[in-house]
Protein backbone atom coordinates (compact mmCIF):
# COMPACT_ATOMS: atom_id res chain seq x y z
CA MET A 1 119.03 114.41 102.15
CA ILE A 2 117.00 114.35 105.38
CA LEU A 3 116.17 118.03 104.84
CA ILE A 4 114.95 117.25 101.31
CA PHE A 5 112.63 114.56 102.66
CA PHE A 6 111.40 116.93 105.37
CA VAL A 7 110.54 119.65 102.84
CA LEU A 8 108.86 117.05 100.61
CA GLY A 9 106.84 115.97 103.64
CA LEU A 10 105.75 119.56 104.30
CA ILE A 11 104.46 119.83 100.73
CA VAL A 12 102.71 116.46 100.85
CA GLY A 13 101.26 117.32 104.26
CA SER A 14 99.72 120.48 102.78
CA PHE A 15 98.09 118.33 100.09
CA LEU A 16 96.86 115.82 102.70
CA ASN A 17 95.08 118.65 104.51
CA VAL A 18 93.20 119.36 101.28
CA VAL A 19 92.37 115.67 100.90
CA VAL A 20 90.91 115.46 104.41
CA TYR A 21 88.85 118.64 103.97
CA ARG A 22 87.46 117.70 100.56
CA LEU A 23 86.78 114.07 101.45
CA ASN A 24 84.43 115.30 104.14
CA LEU A 25 82.63 117.51 101.63
CA ALA A 26 82.69 114.84 98.91
CA GLU A 27 84.64 117.21 96.66
CA SER A 28 87.43 116.35 94.25
CA PHE A 29 90.88 116.88 95.74
CA VAL A 30 92.55 116.54 92.33
CA THR A 31 91.09 119.62 90.66
CA GLY A 32 90.23 123.07 91.94
CA ARG A 33 92.31 125.74 93.68
CA SER A 34 92.68 125.85 97.44
CA HIS A 35 90.36 128.32 99.13
CA CYS A 36 89.55 129.67 102.59
CA THR A 37 87.12 127.38 104.38
CA HIS A 38 85.28 130.43 105.75
CA CYS A 39 85.06 133.10 103.03
CA LYS A 40 85.81 130.75 100.10
CA ALA A 41 88.36 133.18 98.65
CA THR A 42 90.99 131.51 96.47
CA ILE A 43 94.34 131.20 98.26
CA ALA A 44 97.26 132.68 96.33
CA TRP A 45 100.37 130.56 95.90
CA TYR A 46 102.40 132.79 98.22
CA ASP A 47 99.81 132.24 100.97
CA ASN A 48 99.93 128.49 100.47
CA ILE A 49 103.56 127.80 101.39
CA PRO A 50 103.57 125.09 104.09
CA VAL A 51 104.07 126.46 107.64
CA ILE A 52 105.78 129.66 106.45
CA SER A 53 102.58 131.25 105.10
CA PHE A 54 100.76 130.26 108.30
CA ILE A 55 103.31 132.23 110.32
CA LEU A 56 103.53 135.23 107.97
CA LEU A 57 99.74 135.56 107.88
CA LYS A 58 99.72 135.52 111.70
CA PHE A 59 97.42 132.49 111.68
CA ARG A 60 94.63 134.32 109.82
CA CYS A 61 93.11 134.37 106.33
CA ARG A 62 94.44 137.32 104.33
CA ASN A 63 90.96 138.10 102.98
CA CYS A 64 88.49 137.64 105.88
CA LYS A 65 90.92 137.56 108.84
CA THR A 66 89.37 134.36 110.18
CA LYS A 67 91.77 132.27 112.26
CA ILE A 68 93.41 129.40 110.40
CA SER A 69 93.15 126.06 112.18
CA TRP A 70 96.32 124.73 113.79
CA GLN A 71 95.49 121.45 112.08
CA TYR A 72 97.14 122.66 108.88
CA PRO A 73 100.69 123.43 110.10
CA LEU A 74 100.65 120.51 112.54
CA VAL A 75 99.80 118.00 109.79
CA GLU A 76 102.46 119.54 107.54
CA ILE A 77 105.16 119.41 110.23
CA PHE A 78 104.25 115.90 111.40
CA THR A 79 104.24 114.61 107.82
CA GLY A 80 107.57 116.32 107.23
CA LEU A 81 109.08 114.65 110.29
CA LEU A 82 107.78 111.23 109.22
CA PHE A 83 109.19 111.70 105.72
CA ALA A 84 112.54 112.71 107.24
CA VAL A 85 112.60 109.54 109.38
CA ILE A 86 111.80 107.41 106.32
CA GLY A 87 114.58 109.10 104.35
CA TYR A 88 117.01 108.49 107.20
CA LYS A 89 116.09 104.85 107.87
CA PHE A 90 115.31 103.48 104.41
CA PHE A 91 116.76 105.61 101.62
CA ASP A 92 120.23 105.37 100.12
CA VAL A 93 120.65 107.35 96.92
CA ILE A 94 123.46 105.02 95.81
CA ASP A 95 121.50 101.81 96.46
CA VAL A 96 118.69 101.68 93.89
CA SER A 97 117.08 98.75 95.74
CA THR A 98 116.09 101.15 98.55
CA TRP A 99 114.12 103.43 96.25
CA ALA A 100 111.06 101.15 95.99
CA SER A 101 110.85 100.61 99.76
CA THR A 102 111.18 104.36 100.30
CA VAL A 103 108.32 105.08 97.89
CA TYR A 104 106.27 102.40 99.64
CA TYR A 105 106.75 103.86 103.11
CA LEU A 106 106.15 107.42 101.91
CA GLY A 107 102.86 106.27 100.37
CA ILE A 108 101.81 104.29 103.44
CA VAL A 109 102.57 107.19 105.77
CA SER A 110 100.53 109.53 103.56
CA PHE A 111 97.51 107.21 103.67
CA LEU A 112 97.84 106.79 107.43
CA MET A 113 98.02 110.55 107.98
CA VAL A 114 94.73 111.05 106.11
CA ILE A 115 93.07 108.31 108.18
CA PHE A 116 94.54 109.72 111.42
CA VAL A 117 93.33 113.28 110.85
CA TYR A 118 89.97 112.35 109.35
CA ASP A 119 89.00 110.04 112.21
CA PHE A 120 90.25 112.55 114.77
CA LEU A 121 88.05 115.27 113.27
CA TYR A 122 84.97 113.36 112.18
CA MET A 123 85.00 110.07 114.17
CA GLU A 124 84.94 108.12 110.91
CA ILE A 125 87.50 106.20 108.86
CA PRO A 126 87.30 107.28 105.19
CA GLY A 127 86.88 104.30 102.89
CA LEU A 128 88.27 106.34 99.98
CA ALA A 129 91.60 106.39 101.80
CA LEU A 130 91.47 103.00 103.54
CA TRP A 131 90.68 100.67 100.63
CA PRO A 132 93.18 102.20 98.17
CA ALA A 133 95.78 101.96 100.95
CA ILE A 134 95.01 98.24 101.37
CA GLY A 135 95.41 97.74 97.63
CA PHE A 136 98.65 99.74 97.70
CA ALA A 137 100.05 97.57 100.51
CA ILE A 138 99.08 94.30 98.79
CA VAL A 139 100.67 95.32 95.48
CA PHE A 140 103.94 96.31 97.14
CA ASN A 141 104.02 93.18 99.34
CA LEU A 142 103.67 91.08 96.19
CA PHE A 143 106.36 93.13 94.46
CA PHE A 144 108.83 92.87 97.37
CA ASP A 145 108.31 89.09 97.61
CA TRP A 146 108.82 88.75 93.87
CA ALA A 147 111.97 90.87 94.06
CA THR A 148 113.30 88.75 96.94
CA THR A 149 112.56 85.32 95.49
CA GLY A 150 113.25 86.14 91.85
CA LEU A 151 111.37 84.67 88.95
CA THR A 152 112.42 81.10 89.78
CA GLY A 153 112.35 81.21 93.57
CA SER A 154 109.44 80.07 95.72
CA VAL A 155 108.17 80.95 99.16
CA GLY A 156 109.20 78.27 101.61
CA GLY A 157 110.92 76.22 98.92
CA GLN A 158 114.49 75.67 97.77
CA GLY A 159 115.97 78.96 96.68
CA GLY A 160 112.97 80.79 98.12
CA ILE A 161 112.28 82.57 101.39
CA GLY A 162 110.74 81.38 104.64
CA VAL A 163 107.00 81.76 105.12
CA LEU A 164 107.23 84.46 107.81
CA ASP A 165 109.93 86.21 105.76
CA SER A 166 107.37 86.58 102.98
CA LEU A 167 105.59 89.91 103.28
CA VAL A 168 102.48 88.43 101.66
CA TYR A 169 102.22 85.54 104.15
CA SER A 170 103.31 87.58 107.16
CA GLY A 171 101.08 90.49 106.22
CA THR A 172 98.09 88.24 105.61
CA LEU A 173 98.57 86.50 108.95
CA GLY A 174 98.88 89.83 110.76
CA ALA A 175 95.79 91.19 109.01
CA VAL A 176 93.66 88.09 109.71
CA VAL A 177 94.60 87.87 113.40
CA ALA A 178 94.10 91.61 114.00
CA PHE A 179 90.79 91.68 112.13
CA ALA A 180 89.48 88.59 113.97
CA PHE A 181 90.29 90.17 117.33
CA PHE A 182 88.63 93.49 116.47
CA PHE A 183 85.65 91.86 114.77
CA ALA A 184 85.04 89.84 117.96
CA MET A 185 85.03 93.05 120.03
CA VAL A 186 82.69 94.73 117.56
CA ALA A 187 80.30 91.77 117.53
CA ILE A 188 80.29 91.21 121.30
CA SER A 189 79.81 94.89 122.17
CA LYS A 190 77.56 95.68 119.19
CA GLU A 191 80.01 98.44 118.22
CA LYS A 192 80.03 100.05 121.68
CA TRP A 193 83.68 99.18 122.36
CA MET A 194 84.95 99.45 118.81
CA GLY A 195 83.58 100.46 115.42
CA MET A 196 83.66 98.28 112.33
CA GLY A 197 85.83 100.89 110.67
CA ASP A 198 88.59 100.12 113.17
CA ALA A 199 88.31 96.41 112.32
CA TYR A 200 88.82 97.25 108.65
CA LEU A 201 91.71 99.56 109.51
CA VAL A 202 93.67 96.82 111.29
CA ILE A 203 93.56 94.80 108.05
CA LEU A 204 95.70 97.54 106.53
CA LEU A 205 97.96 97.72 109.58
CA GLY A 206 98.44 93.95 109.58
CA LEU A 207 99.44 94.03 105.90
CA ILE A 208 101.93 96.81 106.61
CA LEU A 209 103.53 95.44 109.77
CA GLY A 210 103.10 91.69 109.35
CA TRP A 211 103.34 89.08 112.07
CA PRO A 212 104.24 89.43 114.93
CA ASN A 213 104.94 93.19 114.60
CA ILE A 214 101.22 93.95 114.53
CA LEU A 215 100.98 92.77 118.16
CA LEU A 216 103.27 95.56 119.34
CA ALA A 217 101.27 98.12 117.36
CA LEU A 218 98.00 96.99 118.96
CA MET A 219 99.52 96.94 122.44
CA LEU A 220 100.84 100.48 121.96
CA ALA A 221 97.50 101.66 120.54
CA PHE A 222 95.50 100.39 123.52
CA SER A 223 98.08 101.74 125.97
CA LEU A 224 98.19 105.20 124.38
CA GLY A 225 94.40 105.28 124.09
CA ALA A 226 93.98 104.38 127.75
CA ILE A 227 96.48 107.02 128.89
CA PHE A 228 94.85 109.68 126.72
CA GLY A 229 91.38 108.73 127.99
CA ILE A 230 92.46 108.87 131.63
CA ILE A 231 93.99 112.32 131.08
CA LEU A 232 90.79 113.63 129.47
CA ILE A 233 88.67 112.22 132.29
CA ALA A 234 91.01 113.74 134.90
CA LEU A 235 90.71 117.12 133.15
CA LYS A 236 86.93 116.62 133.05
CA GLN A 237 86.94 116.87 129.25
CA LYS A 238 85.37 113.43 128.87
CA LYS A 239 83.30 110.99 130.92
CA MET A 240 83.72 107.24 131.29
CA SER A 241 80.85 106.76 128.82
CA SER A 242 82.31 109.18 126.25
CA GLN A 243 83.63 107.96 122.93
CA ILE A 244 86.98 108.97 121.49
CA PRO A 245 88.32 108.14 118.01
CA PHE A 246 90.59 105.08 118.19
CA ALA A 247 92.09 105.15 114.69
CA PRO A 248 94.63 107.88 115.64
CA PHE A 249 96.03 105.60 118.36
CA LEU A 250 96.11 102.62 115.98
CA VAL A 251 98.00 104.72 113.45
CA LEU A 252 100.38 106.13 116.06
CA GLY A 253 101.09 102.67 117.52
CA SER A 254 101.70 101.32 114.02
CA LEU A 255 104.10 104.12 113.11
CA ILE A 256 106.10 103.49 116.27
CA ALA A 257 106.19 99.74 115.54
CA MET A 258 107.09 100.40 111.92
CA PHE A 259 110.18 102.43 112.76
CA TRP A 260 111.30 101.12 116.15
CA TYR A 261 109.92 97.58 116.54
CA GLN A 262 113.22 95.83 117.27
CA PRO A 263 114.64 98.40 119.75
CA ILE A 264 111.36 98.37 121.71
CA VAL A 265 111.18 94.56 121.79
CA ASP A 266 114.85 94.31 122.82
CA TRP A 267 114.29 96.86 125.59
CA TYR A 268 111.17 95.07 126.85
CA PHE A 269 112.74 91.61 127.05
CA GLY A 270 115.88 93.17 128.49
CA LEU A 271 113.82 94.03 131.57
CA PHE A 272 113.42 90.32 132.33
CA PHE A 273 116.66 88.77 131.12
């Protein structure tokens, strides 16, 4: 089953590469055959098999021999690994109740991968991926709360669920707190420390992770960003005044918190108690 999810992730990752490329060109990613970004030749199906075609073609276009970017197989493999983790942690073919949560996490990971790659390449968070993702998260949070409380239950009431157990309440709180923090940094620095796109992105991350899980994601994002920045400065690839895209670190921190929040928190507090 994990292998099935991995292969599905490879296929979806190939599609996400197309989405990123065509979003930047303002082209439709629903219609039109895949083509070489250099010579524009249409890519045959046998040259479009995730990872395998990249290797068989020796990393070059069959038609013009231009090198194929490593972005394509890396996105495919990383998406495949994330899908495999989701299949392992959330999916049980016998338990139908796990199917909806699995679809939710597969969708969320797909949106986050587009945002990750796009911001890494173009230093911009694509609204055409971000806002649909926010709508997707809200709809599923409402659905999961409804499924938990039932038609007659109520959040915080008799027969209902606690406020912080409600994904709508927890997600909203996480989104509001994260957005307020980032908006303050944007306003104070006049977008020198952080862009407004990052402030909008943490709304999505807050809805996904909820409260207080979003705090771990932000802590990891800032830590990973700082480490990466120090390494680049040490290698003389960047200067102290240079800008680097922050959305990839926000996404990476959120993925870690999404899958391993409790083990990380238990490990951290275990250092002191």
